[in-house]
Amino acid sequence: MVLFSESDPSEDAPPSNFHLTDIHILTSQGHPEFTESIMRKIICVRRELLGTELADDGESRANNQTDGITIVGKAIWGVMGVE
């Protein structure tokens, strides 16, 4: 969720032209602790509960790139005025 510094609370859409430093409040819920090795361990422990097909699918995607550093991290630094 985002609240811009000078936004009108009655408007649903964000301003069309803004800088990250215009953001007054930025919230997110990420899980950077879910690294590839941790995901593989969780899947291994829950394999019986998940079933073979779902567990295999999870294992095949355990190393996929996430938005953590490249998107969310960059936005957080930008909100704080760090480029």
N, C-alpha and C. Protein backbone atom coordinates (compact mmCIF):
# COMPACT_ATOMS: atom_id res chain seq x y z
N MET A 1 0.85 -1.17 0.00
CA MET A 1 0.00 0.00 0.00
C MET A 1 0.89 1.23 0.00
N VAL A 2 0.41 2.26 -0.63
CA VAL A 2 1.18 3.49 -0.74
C VAL A 2 0.27 4.67 -0.41
N LEU A 3 0.82 5.62 0.35
CA LEU A 3 0.14 6.89 0.59
C LEU A 3 1.12 7.98 0.19
N PHE A 4 0.72 8.80 -0.77
CA PHE A 4 1.59 9.87 -1.22
C PHE A 4 1.49 11.06 -0.28
N SER A 5 2.56 11.83 -0.18
CA SER A 5 2.64 12.95 0.76
C SER A 5 1.49 13.93 0.62
N GLU A 6 1.15 14.27 -0.59
CA GLU A 6 0.11 15.27 -0.81
C GLU A 6 -1.05 14.69 -1.60
N SER A 7 -1.43 13.46 -1.30
CA SER A 7 -2.50 12.82 -2.07
C SER A 7 -3.86 13.14 -1.46
N ASP A 8 -4.86 13.09 -2.31
CA ASP A 8 -6.24 13.28 -1.88
C ASP A 8 -6.79 11.91 -1.51
N PRO A 9 -7.16 11.69 -0.23
CA PRO A 9 -7.62 10.36 0.20
C PRO A 9 -8.83 9.84 -0.56
N SER A 10 -9.59 10.74 -1.23
CA SER A 10 -10.78 10.29 -1.96
C SER A 10 -10.43 9.74 -3.34
N GLU A 11 -9.19 9.93 -3.80
CA GLU A 11 -8.79 9.44 -5.11
C GLU A 11 -8.21 8.04 -5.02
N ASP A 12 -8.62 7.15 -5.91
CA ASP A 12 -8.12 5.77 -5.92
C ASP A 12 -6.80 5.65 -6.66
N ALA A 13 -6.59 6.45 -7.69
CA ALA A 13 -5.41 6.32 -8.55
C ALA A 13 -4.25 7.14 -7.99
N PRO A 14 -3.02 6.64 -8.17
CA PRO A 14 -1.86 7.43 -7.74
C PRO A 14 -1.65 8.62 -8.66
N PRO A 15 -0.90 9.63 -8.22
CA PRO A 15 -0.60 10.74 -9.12
C PRO A 15 0.08 10.20 -10.38
N SER A 16 -0.16 10.84 -11.52
CA SER A 16 0.39 10.32 -12.77
C SER A 16 1.90 10.52 -12.88
N ASN A 17 2.42 11.55 -12.27
CA ASN A 17 3.84 11.85 -12.32
C ASN A 17 4.34 12.00 -10.89
N PHE A 18 5.14 11.09 -10.41
CA PHE A 18 5.62 11.21 -9.03
C PHE A 18 7.04 10.68 -8.92
N HIS A 19 7.70 11.09 -7.87
CA HIS A 19 9.03 10.60 -7.53
C HIS A 19 8.88 9.70 -6.31
N LEU A 20 9.77 8.76 -6.13
CA LEU A 20 9.70 7.88 -4.97
C LEU A 20 9.70 8.66 -3.67
N THR A 21 10.37 9.81 -3.63
CA THR A 21 10.40 10.61 -2.40
C THR A 21 9.06 11.30 -2.13
N ASP A 22 8.11 11.23 -3.07
CA ASP A 22 6.76 11.74 -2.85
C ASP A 22 5.92 10.78 -2.01
N ILE A 23 6.42 9.58 -1.78
CA ILE A 23 5.68 8.58 -1.02
C ILE A 23 5.86 8.85 0.47
N HIS A 24 4.75 9.00 1.16
CA HIS A 24 4.77 9.26 2.61
C HIS A 24 4.77 7.95 3.40
N ILE A 25 3.98 6.99 2.96
CA ILE A 25 3.90 5.68 3.62
C ILE A 25 3.97 4.60 2.55
N LEU A 26 4.84 3.62 2.74
CA LEU A 26 4.97 2.48 1.83
C LEU A 26 5.00 1.22 2.68
N THR A 27 4.11 0.31 2.41
CA THR A 27 4.10 -0.96 3.15
C THR A 27 4.21 -2.12 2.17
N SER A 28 4.78 -3.19 2.63
CA SER A 28 4.84 -4.41 1.83
C SER A 28 5.01 -5.59 2.78
N GLN A 29 4.74 -6.75 2.29
CA GLN A 29 4.96 -7.96 3.07
C GLN A 29 5.73 -8.93 2.19
N GLY A 30 7.00 -9.00 2.44
CA GLY A 30 7.84 -9.90 1.67
C GLY A 30 8.45 -10.95 2.58
N HIS A 31 9.08 -11.90 1.99
CA HIS A 31 9.70 -12.98 2.76
C HIS A 31 11.10 -13.25 2.21
N PRO A 32 12.04 -12.32 2.48
CA PRO A 32 13.40 -12.52 1.97
C PRO A 32 14.11 -13.72 2.59
N GLU A 33 13.56 -14.22 3.68
CA GLU A 33 14.17 -15.38 4.32
C GLU A 33 13.95 -16.66 3.52
N PHE A 34 13.06 -16.62 2.55
CA PHE A 34 12.78 -17.80 1.74
C PHE A 34 13.78 -17.91 0.60
N THR A 35 14.99 -18.29 0.93
CA THR A 35 16.03 -18.52 -0.06
C THR A 35 15.77 -19.85 -0.74
N GLU A 36 16.55 -20.15 -1.78
CA GLU A 36 16.40 -21.42 -2.49
C GLU A 36 16.57 -22.61 -1.54
N SER A 37 17.59 -22.59 -0.72
CA SER A 37 17.84 -23.75 0.16
C SER A 37 16.73 -23.91 1.20
N ILE A 38 16.22 -22.80 1.72
CA ILE A 38 15.13 -22.90 2.69
C ILE A 38 13.87 -23.41 2.01
N MET A 39 13.58 -22.92 0.80
CA MET A 39 12.39 -23.39 0.09
C MET A 39 12.48 -24.90 -0.17
N ARG A 40 13.64 -25.36 -0.57
CA ARG A 40 13.80 -26.80 -0.84
C ARG A 40 13.59 -27.62 0.44
N LYS A 41 14.07 -27.14 1.57
CA LYS A 41 13.88 -27.85 2.83
C LYS A 41 12.41 -27.88 3.24
N ILE A 42 11.73 -26.73 3.08
CA ILE A 42 10.30 -26.68 3.41
C ILE A 42 9.52 -27.65 2.53
N ILE A 43 9.81 -27.65 1.24
CA ILE A 43 9.12 -28.56 0.31
C ILE A 43 9.41 -30.01 0.67
N CYS A 44 10.65 -30.30 1.01
CA CYS A 44 11.03 -31.67 1.38
C CYS A 44 10.25 -32.13 2.61
N VAL A 45 10.18 -31.28 3.61
CA VAL A 45 9.49 -31.63 4.85
C VAL A 45 7.98 -31.79 4.62
N ARG A 46 7.42 -31.01 3.71
CA ARG A 46 5.97 -31.02 3.46
C ARG A 46 5.57 -31.81 2.21
N ARG A 47 6.51 -32.55 1.64
CA ARG A 47 6.26 -33.28 0.39
C ARG A 47 5.01 -34.16 0.48
N GLU A 48 4.87 -34.90 1.55
CA GLU A 48 3.72 -35.80 1.68
C GLU A 48 2.42 -35.01 1.74
N LEU A 49 2.43 -33.90 2.44
CA LEU A 49 1.24 -33.06 2.54
C LEU A 49 0.91 -32.40 1.20
N LEU A 50 1.95 -31.93 0.49
CA LEU A 50 1.75 -31.24 -0.78
C LEU A 50 1.40 -32.18 -1.92
N GLY A 51 1.94 -33.37 -1.89
CA GLY A 51 1.78 -34.30 -2.99
C GLY A 51 2.93 -34.17 -3.96
N THR A 52 3.22 -35.22 -4.68
CA THR A 52 4.37 -35.25 -5.58
C THR A 52 4.33 -34.17 -6.65
N GLU A 53 3.20 -34.00 -7.30
CA GLU A 53 3.11 -33.04 -8.40
C GLU A 53 3.39 -31.61 -7.93
N LEU A 54 2.75 -31.21 -6.84
CA LEU A 54 2.94 -29.85 -6.33
C LEU A 54 4.36 -29.66 -5.78
N ALA A 55 4.88 -30.65 -5.08
CA ALA A 55 6.24 -30.58 -4.54
C ALA A 55 7.26 -30.48 -5.66
N ASP A 56 7.09 -31.28 -6.70
CA ASP A 56 8.01 -31.22 -7.85
C ASP A 56 7.95 -29.85 -8.52
N ASP A 57 6.75 -29.30 -8.65
CA ASP A 57 6.59 -27.99 -9.26
C ASP A 57 7.30 -26.93 -8.41
N GLY A 58 7.12 -26.99 -7.10
CA GLY A 58 7.79 -26.05 -6.20
C GLY A 58 9.30 -26.15 -6.28
N GLU A 59 9.80 -27.37 -6.32
CA GLU A 59 11.25 -27.57 -6.41
C GLU A 59 11.80 -27.01 -7.73
N SER A 60 11.02 -27.12 -8.80
CA SER A 60 11.49 -26.62 -10.10
C SER A 60 11.55 -25.09 -10.12
N ARG A 61 10.81 -24.43 -9.22
CA ARG A 61 10.77 -22.97 -9.19
C ARG A 61 11.48 -22.37 -7.98
N ALA A 62 12.11 -23.20 -7.16
CA ALA A 62 12.71 -22.73 -5.91
C ALA A 62 13.82 -21.70 -6.11
N ASN A 63 14.45 -21.71 -7.27
CA ASN A 63 15.55 -20.78 -7.52
C ASN A 63 15.15 -19.62 -8.42
N ASN A 64 13.85 -19.44 -8.66
CA ASN A 64 13.40 -18.33 -9.50
C ASN A 64 13.77 -16.99 -8.87
N GLN A 65 14.10 -16.02 -9.70
CA GLN A 65 14.40 -14.68 -9.21
C GLN A 65 13.13 -14.05 -8.65
N THR A 66 13.29 -13.27 -7.59
CA THR A 66 12.15 -12.58 -6.99
C THR A 66 12.30 -11.07 -7.19
N ASP A 67 11.29 -10.33 -6.76
CA ASP A 67 11.32 -8.87 -6.86
C ASP A 67 12.02 -8.22 -5.68
N GLY A 68 12.49 -9.03 -4.73
CA GLY A 68 13.04 -8.51 -3.48
C GLY A 68 14.01 -7.37 -3.60
N ILE A 69 15.18 -7.61 -4.14
CA ILE A 69 16.22 -6.60 -4.17
C ILE A 69 16.03 -5.64 -5.34
N THR A 70 15.77 -6.18 -6.51
CA THR A 70 15.75 -5.34 -7.71
C THR A 70 14.56 -4.39 -7.78
N ILE A 71 13.42 -4.78 -7.23
CA ILE A 71 12.23 -3.94 -7.32
C ILE A 71 11.90 -3.32 -5.96
N VAL A 72 11.58 -4.15 -4.98
CA VAL A 72 11.15 -3.66 -3.67
C VAL A 72 12.27 -2.93 -2.95
N GLY A 73 13.46 -3.52 -2.93
CA GLY A 73 14.58 -2.88 -2.26
C GLY A 73 14.90 -1.52 -2.85
N LYS A 74 14.91 -1.43 -4.17
CA LYS A 74 15.19 -0.16 -4.85
C LYS A 74 14.12 0.88 -4.51
N ALA A 75 12.86 0.47 -4.46
CA ALA A 75 11.78 1.40 -4.12
C ALA A 75 11.93 1.90 -2.69
N ILE A 76 12.28 1.02 -1.77
CA ILE A 76 12.43 1.44 -0.36
C ILE A 76 13.56 2.45 -0.23
N TRP A 77 14.69 2.18 -0.87
CA TRP A 77 15.79 3.15 -0.84
C TRP A 77 15.37 4.46 -1.46
N GLY A 78 14.61 4.41 -2.56
CA GLY A 78 14.15 5.63 -3.22
C GLY A 78 13.23 6.46 -2.37
N VAL A 79 12.34 5.80 -1.62
CA VAL A 79 11.44 6.51 -0.71
C VAL A 79 12.24 7.27 0.34
N MET A 80 13.38 6.70 0.75
CA MET A 80 14.23 7.34 1.75
C MET A 80 15.16 8.37 1.13
N GLY A 81 15.08 8.56 -0.19
CA GLY A 81 15.89 9.56 -0.86
C GLY A 81 17.27 9.08 -1.28
N VAL A 82 17.52 7.78 -1.21
CA VAL A 82 18.81 7.23 -1.62
C VAL A 82 18.70 6.75 -3.06
N GLU A 83 19.62 7.19 -3.89
CA GLU A 83 19.57 6.77 -5.29
C GLU A 83 20.55 5.68 -5.59
